[in-house]
N, C-alpha and C. Protein backbone atom coordinates (compact mmCIF):
# COMPACT_ATOMS: atom_id res chain seq x y z
N UNK A 1 0.84 -1.20 0.00
CA UNK A 1 0.00 0.00 0.00
C UNK A 1 0.87 1.25 0.00
N UNK A 2 0.56 2.16 -0.89
CA UNK A 2 1.29 3.42 -0.98
C UNK A 2 0.39 4.56 -0.47
N UNK A 3 0.93 5.34 0.48
CA UNK A 3 0.17 6.43 1.09
C UNK A 3 0.88 7.76 0.83
N UNK A 4 0.08 8.79 0.56
CA UNK A 4 0.60 10.15 0.43
C UNK A 4 0.02 11.00 1.55
N UNK A 5 0.89 11.67 2.31
CA UNK A 5 0.49 12.60 3.36
C UNK A 5 0.63 14.01 2.83
N UNK A 6 -0.45 14.79 2.86
CA UNK A 6 -0.42 16.16 2.35
C UNK A 6 -0.80 17.14 3.46
N UNK A 7 0.18 17.92 3.90
CA UNK A 7 -0.04 18.89 4.98
C UNK A 7 1.14 19.86 4.95
N UNK A 8 0.90 21.12 5.31
CA UNK A 8 2.00 22.08 5.25
C UNK A 8 2.73 22.23 6.58
N UNK A 9 2.42 21.37 7.55
CA UNK A 9 3.16 21.37 8.82
C UNK A 9 4.19 20.24 8.78
N UNK A 10 5.46 20.62 8.63
CA UNK A 10 6.52 19.63 8.42
C UNK A 10 6.66 18.68 9.60
N UNK A 11 6.54 19.18 10.82
CA UNK A 11 6.70 18.33 12.00
C UNK A 11 5.60 17.28 12.04
N UNK A 12 4.38 17.70 11.70
CA UNK A 12 3.26 16.75 11.67
C UNK A 12 3.50 15.67 10.61
N UNK A 13 3.96 16.10 9.44
CA UNK A 13 4.25 15.14 8.37
C UNK A 13 5.26 14.10 8.82
N UNK A 14 6.35 14.55 9.41
CA UNK A 14 7.40 13.63 9.85
C UNK A 14 6.87 12.66 10.92
N UNK A 15 6.06 13.21 11.85
CA UNK A 15 5.51 12.37 12.91
C UNK A 15 4.55 11.33 12.38
N UNK A 16 3.69 11.74 11.44
CA UNK A 16 2.73 10.79 10.86
C UNK A 16 3.44 9.71 10.04
N UNK A 17 4.44 10.13 9.26
CA UNK A 17 5.16 9.16 8.44
C UNK A 17 5.86 8.13 9.33
N UNK A 18 6.47 8.58 10.42
CA UNK A 18 7.15 7.66 11.33
C UNK A 18 6.14 6.71 11.96
N UNK A 19 5.00 7.26 12.40
CA UNK A 19 3.98 6.44 13.05
C UNK A 19 3.42 5.38 12.09
N UNK A 20 3.15 5.78 10.84
CA UNK A 20 2.57 4.84 9.87
C UNK A 20 3.57 3.75 9.50
N UNK A 21 4.84 4.12 9.39
CA UNK A 21 5.85 3.11 9.07
C UNK A 21 6.02 2.11 10.22
N UNK A 22 5.85 2.60 11.45
CA UNK A 22 5.99 1.73 12.61
C UNK A 22 4.79 0.82 12.79
N UNK A 23 3.59 1.37 12.55
CA UNK A 23 2.37 0.64 12.86
C UNK A 23 1.85 -0.22 11.71
N UNK A 24 2.16 0.17 10.47
CA UNK A 24 1.62 -0.54 9.31
C UNK A 24 2.74 -1.11 8.45
N UNK A 25 2.45 -2.16 7.79
CA UNK A 25 3.41 -2.76 6.87
C UNK A 25 3.26 -2.09 5.51
N UNK A 26 3.96 -0.96 5.32
CA UNK A 26 3.79 -0.13 4.13
C UNK A 26 4.97 -0.25 3.19
N UNK A 27 4.67 -0.14 1.91
CA UNK A 27 5.74 -0.09 0.92
C UNK A 27 6.43 1.26 0.98
N UNK A 28 5.64 2.32 0.87
CA UNK A 28 6.21 3.66 0.88
C UNK A 28 5.20 4.65 1.42
N UNK A 29 5.71 5.70 2.09
CA UNK A 29 4.88 6.81 2.55
C UNK A 29 5.48 8.08 1.99
N UNK A 30 4.75 8.76 1.13
CA UNK A 30 5.22 10.00 0.51
C UNK A 30 4.63 11.19 1.25
N UNK A 31 5.31 12.33 1.13
CA UNK A 31 4.82 13.55 1.78
C UNK A 31 4.79 14.70 0.78
N UNK A 32 3.87 15.64 1.02
CA UNK A 32 3.77 16.85 0.19
C UNK A 32 3.26 17.98 1.06
N UNK A 33 3.80 19.18 0.86
CA UNK A 33 3.42 20.32 1.67
C UNK A 33 2.48 21.29 0.95
N UNK A 34 2.22 21.04 -0.33
CA UNK A 34 1.28 21.84 -1.11
C UNK A 34 0.49 20.91 -2.03
N UNK A 35 -0.62 21.43 -2.56
CA UNK A 35 -1.41 20.65 -3.51
C UNK A 35 -0.58 20.36 -4.76
N UNK A 36 0.20 21.34 -5.19
CA UNK A 36 1.03 21.15 -6.39
C UNK A 36 2.00 19.98 -6.19
N UNK A 37 2.67 19.93 -5.04
CA UNK A 37 3.58 18.83 -4.76
C UNK A 37 2.83 17.50 -4.70
N UNK A 38 1.67 17.52 -4.09
CA UNK A 38 0.87 16.30 -3.96
C UNK A 38 0.45 15.76 -5.32
N UNK A 39 0.04 16.65 -6.21
CA UNK A 39 -0.38 16.22 -7.55
C UNK A 39 0.78 15.62 -8.33
N UNK A 40 1.97 16.17 -8.15
CA UNK A 40 3.15 15.62 -8.82
C UNK A 40 3.41 14.18 -8.37
N UNK A 41 3.22 13.93 -7.07
CA UNK A 41 3.42 12.58 -6.54
C UNK A 41 2.38 11.62 -7.13
N UNK A 42 1.12 12.04 -7.10
CA UNK A 42 0.03 11.17 -7.57
C UNK A 42 0.16 10.87 -9.06
N UNK A 43 0.62 11.87 -9.82
CA UNK A 43 0.76 11.68 -11.26
C UNK A 43 1.96 10.81 -11.63
N UNK A 44 2.92 10.70 -10.73
CA UNK A 44 4.16 9.98 -11.04
C UNK A 44 4.11 8.50 -10.68
N UNK A 45 3.13 8.11 -9.84
CA UNK A 45 3.04 6.71 -9.40
C UNK A 45 1.64 6.45 -8.84
N UNK A 46 1.19 5.21 -8.85
CA UNK A 46 -0.13 4.88 -8.27
C UNK A 46 -0.10 5.09 -6.75
N UNK A 47 -1.06 5.83 -6.25
CA UNK A 47 -1.20 6.06 -4.81
C UNK A 47 -2.52 5.45 -4.36
N UNK A 48 -2.47 4.60 -3.34
CA UNK A 48 -3.68 3.94 -2.87
C UNK A 48 -4.52 4.84 -1.98
N UNK A 49 -3.84 5.64 -1.14
CA UNK A 49 -4.55 6.44 -0.16
C UNK A 49 -3.87 7.79 0.03
N UNK A 50 -4.66 8.86 -0.01
CA UNK A 50 -4.17 10.20 0.30
C UNK A 50 -4.78 10.65 1.62
N UNK A 51 -3.92 11.08 2.54
CA UNK A 51 -4.38 11.65 3.81
C UNK A 51 -4.02 13.13 3.76
N UNK A 52 -5.02 14.00 3.69
CA UNK A 52 -4.78 15.42 3.43
C UNK A 52 -5.44 16.32 4.45
N UNK A 53 -4.75 17.41 4.75
CA UNK A 53 -5.35 18.49 5.53
C UNK A 53 -6.32 19.25 4.63
N UNK A 54 -7.33 19.88 5.22
CA UNK A 54 -8.26 20.69 4.43
C UNK A 54 -7.63 22.02 4.04
N UNK A 55 -6.74 22.54 4.89
CA UNK A 55 -6.19 23.88 4.68
C UNK A 55 -4.86 23.89 3.93
N UNK A 56 -4.52 22.82 3.24
CA UNK A 56 -3.24 22.75 2.54
C UNK A 56 -3.18 23.79 1.41
N UNK A 57 -2.04 24.50 1.28
CA UNK A 57 -1.89 25.47 0.17
C UNK A 57 -1.81 24.73 -1.17
N UNK A 58 -2.10 25.35 -2.29
CA UNK A 58 -2.56 26.71 -2.44
C UNK A 58 -4.08 26.74 -2.56
N UNK A 59 -4.65 25.74 -3.20
CA UNK A 59 -6.09 25.78 -3.48
C UNK A 59 -6.94 25.13 -2.40
N UNK A 60 -6.29 24.50 -1.42
CA UNK A 60 -7.03 23.89 -0.33
C UNK A 60 -7.35 22.42 -0.57
N UNK A 61 -7.61 21.71 0.52
CA UNK A 61 -7.83 20.28 0.45
C UNK A 61 -9.11 19.88 -0.25
N UNK A 62 -10.16 20.69 -0.14
CA UNK A 62 -11.43 20.34 -0.77
C UNK A 62 -11.30 20.37 -2.29
N UNK A 63 -10.69 21.42 -2.83
CA UNK A 63 -10.46 21.50 -4.27
C UNK A 63 -9.52 20.37 -4.72
N UNK A 64 -8.52 20.07 -3.89
CA UNK A 64 -7.58 18.98 -4.17
C UNK A 64 -8.32 17.65 -4.26
N UNK A 65 -9.24 17.41 -3.32
CA UNK A 65 -10.00 16.16 -3.31
C UNK A 65 -10.87 16.04 -4.57
N UNK A 66 -11.44 17.15 -4.99
CA UNK A 66 -12.27 17.13 -6.21
C UNK A 66 -11.42 16.73 -7.42
N UNK A 67 -10.21 17.29 -7.49
CA UNK A 67 -9.32 16.95 -8.59
C UNK A 67 -8.97 15.46 -8.58
N UNK A 68 -8.65 14.95 -7.39
CA UNK A 68 -8.28 13.54 -7.27
C UNK A 68 -9.44 12.63 -7.66
N UNK A 69 -10.64 12.96 -7.20
CA UNK A 69 -11.79 12.11 -7.49
C UNK A 69 -12.15 12.14 -8.96
N UNK A 70 -11.79 13.21 -9.65
CA UNK A 70 -12.05 13.31 -11.08
C UNK A 70 -11.01 12.56 -11.90
N UNK A 71 -9.74 12.80 -11.56
CA UNK A 71 -8.64 12.25 -12.37
C UNK A 71 -8.10 10.92 -11.87
N UNK A 72 -8.25 10.64 -10.57
CA UNK A 72 -7.74 9.40 -9.99
C UNK A 72 -8.81 8.79 -9.07
N UNK A 73 -9.93 8.39 -9.64
CA UNK A 73 -11.06 7.92 -8.82
C UNK A 73 -10.75 6.69 -7.98
N UNK A 74 -9.71 5.94 -8.37
CA UNK A 74 -9.38 4.73 -7.60
C UNK A 74 -8.64 5.07 -6.30
N UNK A 75 -8.14 6.29 -6.20
CA UNK A 75 -7.40 6.70 -4.99
C UNK A 75 -8.37 7.09 -3.88
N UNK A 76 -8.21 6.46 -2.73
CA UNK A 76 -9.07 6.78 -1.59
C UNK A 76 -8.50 7.99 -0.84
N UNK A 77 -9.37 8.73 -0.16
CA UNK A 77 -8.96 9.97 0.51
C UNK A 77 -9.52 10.02 1.92
N UNK A 78 -8.65 10.41 2.86
CA UNK A 78 -9.07 10.70 4.23
C UNK A 78 -8.65 12.13 4.54
N UNK A 79 -9.58 12.94 5.01
CA UNK A 79 -9.21 14.27 5.49
C UNK A 79 -8.77 14.15 6.94
N UNK A 80 -7.61 14.74 7.26
CA UNK A 80 -7.12 14.82 8.63
C UNK A 80 -7.05 16.30 8.94
N UNK A 81 -8.01 16.79 9.74
CA UNK A 81 -8.17 18.24 9.86
C UNK A 81 -8.50 18.67 11.28
N UNK A 82 -8.20 19.93 11.57
CA UNK A 82 -8.62 20.52 12.84
C UNK A 82 -10.02 21.11 12.75
N UNK A 83 -10.55 21.21 11.54
CA UNK A 83 -11.82 21.90 11.31
C UNK A 83 -13.01 20.96 11.48
N UNK A 84 -13.97 21.39 12.27
CA UNK A 84 -15.21 20.64 12.44
C UNK A 84 -16.43 21.53 12.27
N UNK A 85 -16.26 22.66 11.54
CA UNK A 85 -17.39 23.52 11.23
C UNK A 85 -18.34 22.80 10.29
N UNK A 86 -19.63 22.80 10.58
CA UNK A 86 -20.59 22.03 9.78
C UNK A 86 -20.53 22.29 8.28
N UNK A 87 -20.38 23.56 7.87
CA UNK A 87 -20.38 23.83 6.43
C UNK A 87 -19.14 23.26 5.76
N UNK A 88 -17.99 23.27 6.47
CA UNK A 88 -16.78 22.70 5.91
C UNK A 88 -16.88 21.18 5.81
N UNK A 89 -17.43 20.57 6.84
CA UNK A 89 -17.62 19.12 6.82
C UNK A 89 -18.52 18.73 5.66
N UNK A 90 -19.61 19.48 5.47
CA UNK A 90 -20.53 19.21 4.36
C UNK A 90 -19.80 19.30 3.02
N UNK A 91 -19.05 20.39 2.81
CA UNK A 91 -18.33 20.57 1.55
C UNK A 91 -17.28 19.49 1.35
N UNK A 92 -16.61 19.11 2.44
CA UNK A 92 -15.56 18.10 2.35
C UNK A 92 -16.14 16.74 1.95
N UNK A 93 -17.21 16.34 2.60
CA UNK A 93 -17.80 15.03 2.32
C UNK A 93 -18.47 14.99 0.95
N UNK A 94 -18.89 16.17 0.47
CA UNK A 94 -19.52 16.23 -0.86
C UNK A 94 -18.55 15.89 -1.97
N UNK A 95 -17.25 15.94 -1.69
CA UNK A 95 -16.25 15.59 -2.71
C UNK A 95 -16.17 14.08 -2.93
N UNK A 96 -16.73 13.31 -2.00
CA UNK A 96 -16.69 11.86 -2.13
C UNK A 96 -15.56 11.19 -1.38
N UNK A 97 -14.94 11.91 -0.43
CA UNK A 97 -13.86 11.31 0.35
C UNK A 97 -14.40 10.17 1.22
N UNK A 98 -13.51 9.26 1.57
CA UNK A 98 -13.93 8.08 2.33
C UNK A 98 -13.77 8.23 3.84
N UNK A 99 -13.06 9.27 4.28
CA UNK A 99 -12.85 9.42 5.72
C UNK A 99 -12.62 10.85 6.13
N UNK A 100 -12.92 11.14 7.40
CA UNK A 100 -12.69 12.48 7.96
C UNK A 100 -12.33 12.29 9.43
N UNK A 101 -11.07 12.55 9.75
CA UNK A 101 -10.56 12.36 11.11
C UNK A 101 -10.07 13.71 11.65
N UNK A 102 -10.43 14.03 12.88
CA UNK A 102 -9.99 15.27 13.49
C UNK A 102 -8.60 15.12 14.08
N UNK A 103 -7.78 16.15 13.91
CA UNK A 103 -6.40 16.10 14.39
C UNK A 103 -6.33 15.98 15.91
N UNK A 104 -7.35 16.47 16.59
CA UNK A 104 -7.32 16.44 18.06
C UNK A 104 -7.52 15.03 18.60
N UNK A 105 -7.98 14.12 17.75
CA UNK A 105 -8.20 12.74 18.18
C UNK A 105 -6.90 11.94 18.17
N UNK A 106 -6.96 10.76 18.71
CA UNK A 106 -5.75 9.95 18.85
C UNK A 106 -5.31 9.36 17.52
N UNK A 107 -4.04 8.95 17.47
CA UNK A 107 -3.53 8.29 16.27
C UNK A 107 -4.28 7.00 16.00
N UNK A 108 -4.88 6.42 17.05
CA UNK A 108 -5.64 5.18 16.87
C UNK A 108 -6.80 5.41 15.92
N UNK A 109 -7.45 6.58 16.01
CA UNK A 109 -8.56 6.89 15.11
C UNK A 109 -8.09 6.88 13.66
N UNK A 110 -6.91 7.45 13.42
CA UNK A 110 -6.39 7.49 12.06
C UNK A 110 -6.08 6.08 11.56
N UNK A 111 -5.50 5.26 12.41
CA UNK A 111 -5.19 3.89 12.03
C UNK A 111 -6.47 3.10 11.74
N UNK A 112 -7.49 3.31 12.55
CA UNK A 112 -8.78 2.67 12.31
C UNK A 112 -9.39 3.15 11.00
N UNK A 113 -9.24 4.46 10.73
CA UNK A 113 -9.78 5.02 9.49
C UNK A 113 -9.09 4.40 8.27
N UNK A 114 -7.77 4.29 8.35
CA UNK A 114 -7.01 3.69 7.23
C UNK A 114 -7.46 2.25 7.00
N UNK A 115 -7.59 1.50 8.07
CA UNK A 115 -8.00 0.10 7.95
C UNK A 115 -9.38 -0.01 7.32
N UNK A 116 -10.32 0.80 7.79
CA UNK A 116 -11.69 0.73 7.29
C UNK A 116 -11.80 1.19 5.84
N UNK A 117 -11.14 2.30 5.54
CA UNK A 117 -11.20 2.86 4.19
C UNK A 117 -10.56 1.93 3.17
N UNK A 118 -9.43 1.32 3.54
CA UNK A 118 -8.76 0.42 2.60
C UNK A 118 -9.51 -0.90 2.42
N UNK A 119 -10.47 -1.18 3.28
CA UNK A 119 -11.34 -2.34 3.10
C UNK A 119 -12.56 -1.99 2.24
N UNK A 120 -12.64 -0.71 1.85
CA UNK A 120 -13.75 -0.27 1.02
C UNK A 120 -14.86 0.41 1.79
N UNK A 121 -14.62 0.68 3.09
CA UNK A 121 -15.64 1.32 3.90
C UNK A 121 -15.41 2.81 4.08
N UNK A 122 -16.15 3.38 5.02
CA UNK A 122 -16.04 4.80 5.35
C UNK A 122 -15.71 4.92 6.83
N UNK A 123 -15.02 6.02 7.20
CA UNK A 123 -14.73 6.25 8.62
C UNK A 123 -14.76 7.75 8.91
N UNK A 124 -15.54 8.12 9.92
CA UNK A 124 -15.61 9.52 10.36
C UNK A 124 -15.45 9.58 11.88
N UNK A 125 -14.72 10.58 12.34
CA UNK A 125 -14.58 10.77 13.78
C UNK A 125 -15.96 10.93 14.41
N UNK A 126 -16.10 10.55 15.68
CA UNK A 126 -17.41 10.67 16.35
C UNK A 126 -18.01 12.07 16.26
N UNK A 127 -17.16 13.10 16.37
CA UNK A 127 -17.66 14.47 16.28
C UNK A 127 -18.25 14.76 14.90
N UNK A 128 -17.62 14.21 13.86
CA UNK A 128 -18.11 14.41 12.50
C UNK A 128 -19.45 13.69 12.32
N UNK A 129 -19.56 12.50 12.87
CA UNK A 129 -20.84 11.78 12.82
C UNK A 129 -21.95 12.57 13.49
N UNK A 130 -21.64 13.21 14.62
CA UNK A 130 -22.65 14.00 15.33
C UNK A 130 -23.09 15.20 14.49
N UNK A 131 -22.12 15.82 13.82
CA UNK A 131 -22.45 16.96 12.96
C UNK A 131 -23.40 16.52 11.85
N UNK A 132 -23.11 15.38 11.23
CA UNK A 132 -23.95 14.87 10.15
C UNK A 132 -25.36 14.55 10.64
N UNK A 133 -25.44 13.94 11.82
CA UNK A 133 -26.76 13.61 12.39
C UNK A 133 -27.53 14.87 12.73
N UNK A 134 -26.85 15.86 13.32
CA UNK A 134 -27.52 17.11 13.67
C UNK A 134 -28.02 17.86 12.44
N UNK A 135 -27.25 17.80 11.36
CA UNK A 135 -27.67 18.47 10.13
C UNK A 135 -28.95 17.83 9.60
N UNK A 136 -29.07 16.50 9.76
CA UNK A 136 -30.27 15.82 9.30
C UNK A 136 -31.47 16.09 10.21
N UNK A 137 -31.21 16.13 11.51
CA UNK A 137 -32.31 16.29 12.47
C UNK A 137 -32.75 17.73 12.62
N UNK A 138 -31.77 18.65 12.63
CA UNK A 138 -32.10 20.05 12.88
C UNK A 138 -31.44 20.96 11.84
N UNK A 139 -31.81 20.84 10.57
CA UNK A 139 -31.16 21.65 9.53
C UNK A 139 -31.35 23.15 9.72
N UNK A 140 -32.45 23.54 10.38
CA UNK A 140 -32.72 24.96 10.57
C UNK A 140 -31.88 25.58 11.68
N UNK A 141 -31.19 24.75 12.48
CA UNK A 141 -30.43 25.27 13.62
C UNK A 141 -29.02 25.71 13.25
N UNK A 142 -28.59 25.43 12.03
CA UNK A 142 -27.22 25.77 11.66
C UNK A 142 -27.05 27.28 11.53
N UNK A 143 -26.16 27.84 12.29
CA UNK A 143 -25.95 29.28 12.27
C UNK A 143 -25.24 29.70 11.00
N UNK A 144 -25.45 30.96 10.63
CA UNK A 144 -24.75 31.50 9.46
C UNK A 144 -23.25 31.46 9.70
N UNK A 145 -22.83 31.95 10.87
CA UNK A 145 -21.42 31.94 11.24
C UNK A 145 -21.25 31.33 12.62
N UNK A 146 -20.11 30.69 12.84
CA UNK A 146 -19.81 30.17 14.18
C UNK A 146 -19.43 31.34 15.09
N UNK A 147 -19.37 31.07 16.39
CA UNK A 147 -19.01 32.13 17.33
C UNK A 147 -17.61 32.68 17.03
N UNK A 148 -16.68 31.78 16.70
CA UNK A 148 -15.32 32.22 16.37
C UNK A 148 -15.31 33.08 15.12
N UNK A 149 -16.09 32.69 14.12
CA UNK A 149 -16.16 33.48 12.89
C UNK A 149 -16.76 34.85 13.15
N UNK A 150 -17.71 34.93 14.07
CA UNK A 150 -18.28 36.24 14.43
C UNK A 150 -17.22 37.12 15.09
N UNK A 151 -16.39 36.50 15.93
CA UNK A 151 -15.31 37.25 16.57
C UNK A 151 -14.35 37.80 15.51
N UNK A 152 -13.96 36.94 14.58
CA UNK A 152 -13.05 37.36 13.51
C UNK A 152 -13.69 38.45 12.67
N UNK A 153 -14.99 38.29 12.36
CA UNK A 153 -15.71 39.29 11.56
C UNK A 153 -15.66 40.67 12.21
N UNK A 154 -15.92 40.72 13.50
CA UNK A 154 -15.91 42.01 14.19
C UNK A 154 -14.52 42.64 14.19
N UNK A 155 -13.49 41.82 14.31
CA UNK A 155 -12.13 42.34 14.30
C UNK A 155 -11.71 42.78 12.90
N UNK A 156 -12.26 42.13 11.87
CA UNK A 156 -12.02 42.58 10.49
C UNK A 156 -12.55 44.00 10.33
N UNK A 157 -13.73 44.25 10.89
CA UNK A 157 -14.33 45.59 10.78
C UNK A 157 -13.65 46.60 11.70
N UNK A 158 -12.80 46.11 12.60
CA UNK A 158 -11.95 47.01 13.40
C UNK A 158 -10.66 47.33 12.65
N UNK A 159 -10.60 46.87 11.37
CA UNK A 159 -9.46 47.13 10.48
C UNK A 159 -8.18 46.49 10.98
N UNK A 160 -8.32 45.31 11.60
CA UNK A 160 -7.15 44.59 12.09
C UNK A 160 -6.64 43.62 11.03
N UNK A 161 -5.34 43.43 10.98
CA UNK A 161 -4.74 42.47 10.04
C UNK A 161 -4.92 41.05 10.58
N UNK A 162 -4.66 40.06 9.71
CA UNK A 162 -4.75 38.66 10.16
C UNK A 162 -3.82 38.39 11.33
N UNK A 163 -2.63 38.97 11.27
CA UNK A 163 -1.66 38.78 12.35
C UNK A 163 -2.18 39.36 13.65
N UNK A 164 -2.74 40.57 13.58
CA UNK A 164 -3.27 41.22 14.78
C UNK A 164 -4.46 40.46 15.35
N UNK A 165 -5.32 39.95 14.45
CA UNK A 165 -6.47 39.17 14.90
C UNK A 165 -6.00 37.89 15.58
N UNK A 166 -5.00 37.23 14.97
CA UNK A 166 -4.47 36.01 15.55
C UNK A 166 -3.90 36.22 16.94
N UNK A 167 -3.16 37.32 17.11
CA UNK A 167 -2.57 37.63 18.42
C UNK A 167 -3.65 37.90 19.45
N UNK A 168 -4.71 38.57 19.03
CA UNK A 168 -5.79 38.92 19.97
C UNK A 168 -6.58 37.68 20.40
N UNK A 169 -6.79 36.76 19.44
CA UNK A 169 -7.60 35.57 19.73
C UNK A 169 -6.77 34.35 20.10
N UNK A 170 -5.43 34.52 20.10
CA UNK A 170 -4.50 33.45 20.45
C UNK A 170 -4.63 32.26 19.48
N UNK A 171 -4.73 32.59 18.20
CA UNK A 171 -4.75 31.57 17.15
C UNK A 171 -3.73 31.97 16.09
N UNK A 172 -3.38 31.03 15.20
CA UNK A 172 -2.36 31.33 14.20
C UNK A 172 -2.91 32.23 13.10
N UNK A 173 -2.00 32.92 12.44
CA UNK A 173 -2.38 33.79 11.32
C UNK A 173 -3.03 32.96 10.22
N UNK A 174 -2.54 31.75 10.01
CA UNK A 174 -3.10 30.85 8.99
C UNK A 174 -4.54 30.48 9.33
N UNK A 175 -4.81 30.25 10.61
CA UNK A 175 -6.17 29.92 11.03
C UNK A 175 -7.10 31.10 10.81
N UNK A 176 -6.61 32.31 11.07
CA UNK A 176 -7.41 33.51 10.82
C UNK A 176 -7.76 33.61 9.34
N UNK A 177 -6.78 33.34 8.48
CA UNK A 177 -7.02 33.38 7.03
C UNK A 177 -8.08 32.37 6.62
N UNK A 178 -8.05 31.19 7.25
CA UNK A 178 -9.06 30.18 6.96
C UNK A 178 -10.44 30.66 7.38
N UNK A 179 -10.53 31.26 8.57
CA UNK A 179 -11.80 31.81 9.04
C UNK A 179 -12.30 32.91 8.10
N UNK A 180 -11.39 33.75 7.65
CA UNK A 180 -11.76 34.84 6.76
C UNK A 180 -12.35 34.30 5.44
N UNK A 181 -11.69 33.28 4.88
CA UNK A 181 -12.19 32.66 3.65
C UNK A 181 -13.56 32.03 3.88
N UNK A 182 -13.72 31.36 5.04
CA UNK A 182 -14.99 30.73 5.35
C UNK A 182 -16.11 31.76 5.48
N UNK A 183 -15.78 32.91 6.08
CA UNK A 183 -16.78 33.96 6.26
C UNK A 183 -17.28 34.47 4.91
N UNK A 184 -16.35 34.72 4.00
CA UNK A 184 -16.75 35.19 2.67
C UNK A 184 -17.56 34.12 1.94
N UNK A 185 -17.14 32.86 2.09
CA UNK A 185 -17.85 31.77 1.41
C UNK A 185 -19.27 31.62 1.94
N UNK A 186 -19.42 31.62 3.27
CA UNK A 186 -20.71 31.38 3.88
C UNK A 186 -21.68 32.56 3.68
N UNK A 187 -21.13 33.77 3.59
CA UNK A 187 -21.98 34.94 3.39
C UNK A 187 -22.18 35.25 1.91
N UNK A 188 -21.48 34.47 1.04
CA UNK A 188 -21.59 34.65 -0.41
C UNK A 188 -21.26 36.09 -0.82
N UNK A 189 -20.21 36.63 -0.20
CA UNK A 189 -19.73 37.97 -0.54
C UNK A 189 -18.27 37.87 -0.99
N UNK A 190 -17.83 38.89 -1.72
CA UNK A 190 -16.46 38.89 -2.23
C UNK A 190 -15.69 40.16 -1.88
N UNK A 191 -16.38 41.15 -1.32
CA UNK A 191 -15.73 42.42 -0.98
C UNK A 191 -16.07 42.79 0.46
N UNK A 192 -15.27 43.68 1.02
CA UNK A 192 -15.51 44.13 2.39
C UNK A 192 -16.82 44.91 2.49
N UNK A 193 -17.17 45.61 1.41
CA UNK A 193 -18.44 46.36 1.39
C UNK A 193 -19.62 45.40 1.40
N UNK A 194 -19.53 44.35 0.57
CA UNK A 194 -20.59 43.36 0.55
C UNK A 194 -20.71 42.63 1.88
N UNK A 195 -19.56 42.36 2.50
CA UNK A 195 -19.55 41.69 3.79
C UNK A 195 -20.18 42.57 4.87
N UNK A 196 -19.87 43.87 4.82
CA UNK A 196 -20.45 44.81 5.79
C UNK A 196 -21.96 44.87 5.63
N UNK A 197 -22.43 44.92 4.39
CA UNK A 197 -23.87 44.96 4.13
C UNK A 197 -24.55 43.71 4.69
N UNK A 198 -23.95 42.55 4.44
CA UNK A 198 -24.51 41.30 4.95
C UNK A 198 -24.53 41.31 6.48
N UNK A 199 -23.43 41.77 7.09
CA UNK A 199 -23.32 41.78 8.55
C UNK A 199 -24.37 42.69 9.17
N UNK A 200 -24.59 43.83 8.56
CA UNK A 200 -25.59 44.76 9.08
C UNK A 200 -27.00 44.19 8.94
N UNK A 201 -27.27 43.57 7.80
CA UNK A 201 -28.60 43.00 7.57
C UNK A 201 -28.91 41.85 8.51
N UNK A 202 -27.86 41.14 8.96
CA UNK A 202 -28.05 39.97 9.81
C UNK A 202 -27.63 40.21 11.26
N UNK A 203 -27.37 41.49 11.59
CA UNK A 203 -27.03 41.87 12.97
C UNK A 203 -25.87 41.06 13.50
N UNK A 204 -24.80 40.98 12.70
CA UNK A 204 -23.63 40.19 13.07
C UNK A 204 -22.49 41.01 13.67
N UNK A 205 -22.66 42.32 13.72
CA UNK A 205 -21.60 43.18 14.24
C UNK A 205 -21.96 43.59 15.65
N UNK A 206 -21.06 43.35 16.59
CA UNK A 206 -21.30 43.65 18.00
C UNK A 206 -21.61 45.13 18.19
N UNK A 207 -22.69 45.37 18.94
CA UNK A 207 -23.00 46.75 19.29
C UNK A 207 -23.79 47.49 18.23
N UNK A 208 -24.12 46.83 17.11
CA UNK A 208 -24.85 47.50 16.05
C UNK A 208 -26.13 46.72 15.77
N UNK A 209 -27.25 47.36 15.84
CA UNK A 209 -28.54 46.71 15.55
C UNK A 209 -29.10 47.23 14.25
N UNK A 210 -30.30 46.81 13.93
CA UNK A 210 -30.91 47.24 12.68
C UNK A 210 -31.43 48.66 12.83
């Protein structure tokens, strides 16, 4: 079995590759830090399984998964991500991936996911299963933005940079950028003016009512 790990965190890649080589009887484990690097690997040799972060540069894991499912449908995919926002989970699973494991969970979950997916099944972390069930049971309860996204939104309107927002919220600049992209995607806006209009119409800015 040949596995490709796609993530832009080098330490994580090294740790995962070591763990997989120790725990599984693998022929080879390849690594890539961008979608471009990952595609070069997949195009150069048959890959049985891709384990990818959702936030991998440049186009992101979801777009990467769509490309793989179109051009290499035999390759199975597991998302290994820190993100559990319902809209992201929905978009990720819509690509046809076979697994979704949260980074905060144990390595055992990932090993179980690999085993199940390579047998032709599906595997999702318990939190992801709960999100899917809640979406089916209470579709009207899904908020436009998460609480964290609302925090980021308000700081955007305070004219703060991603770095400044990250420092204030104690999160990485890269995570802020992901939240910013998600906000634009979920509000279906492309400019700060359009975002402000949406925020005002939906009372999303702290201290400002209709």
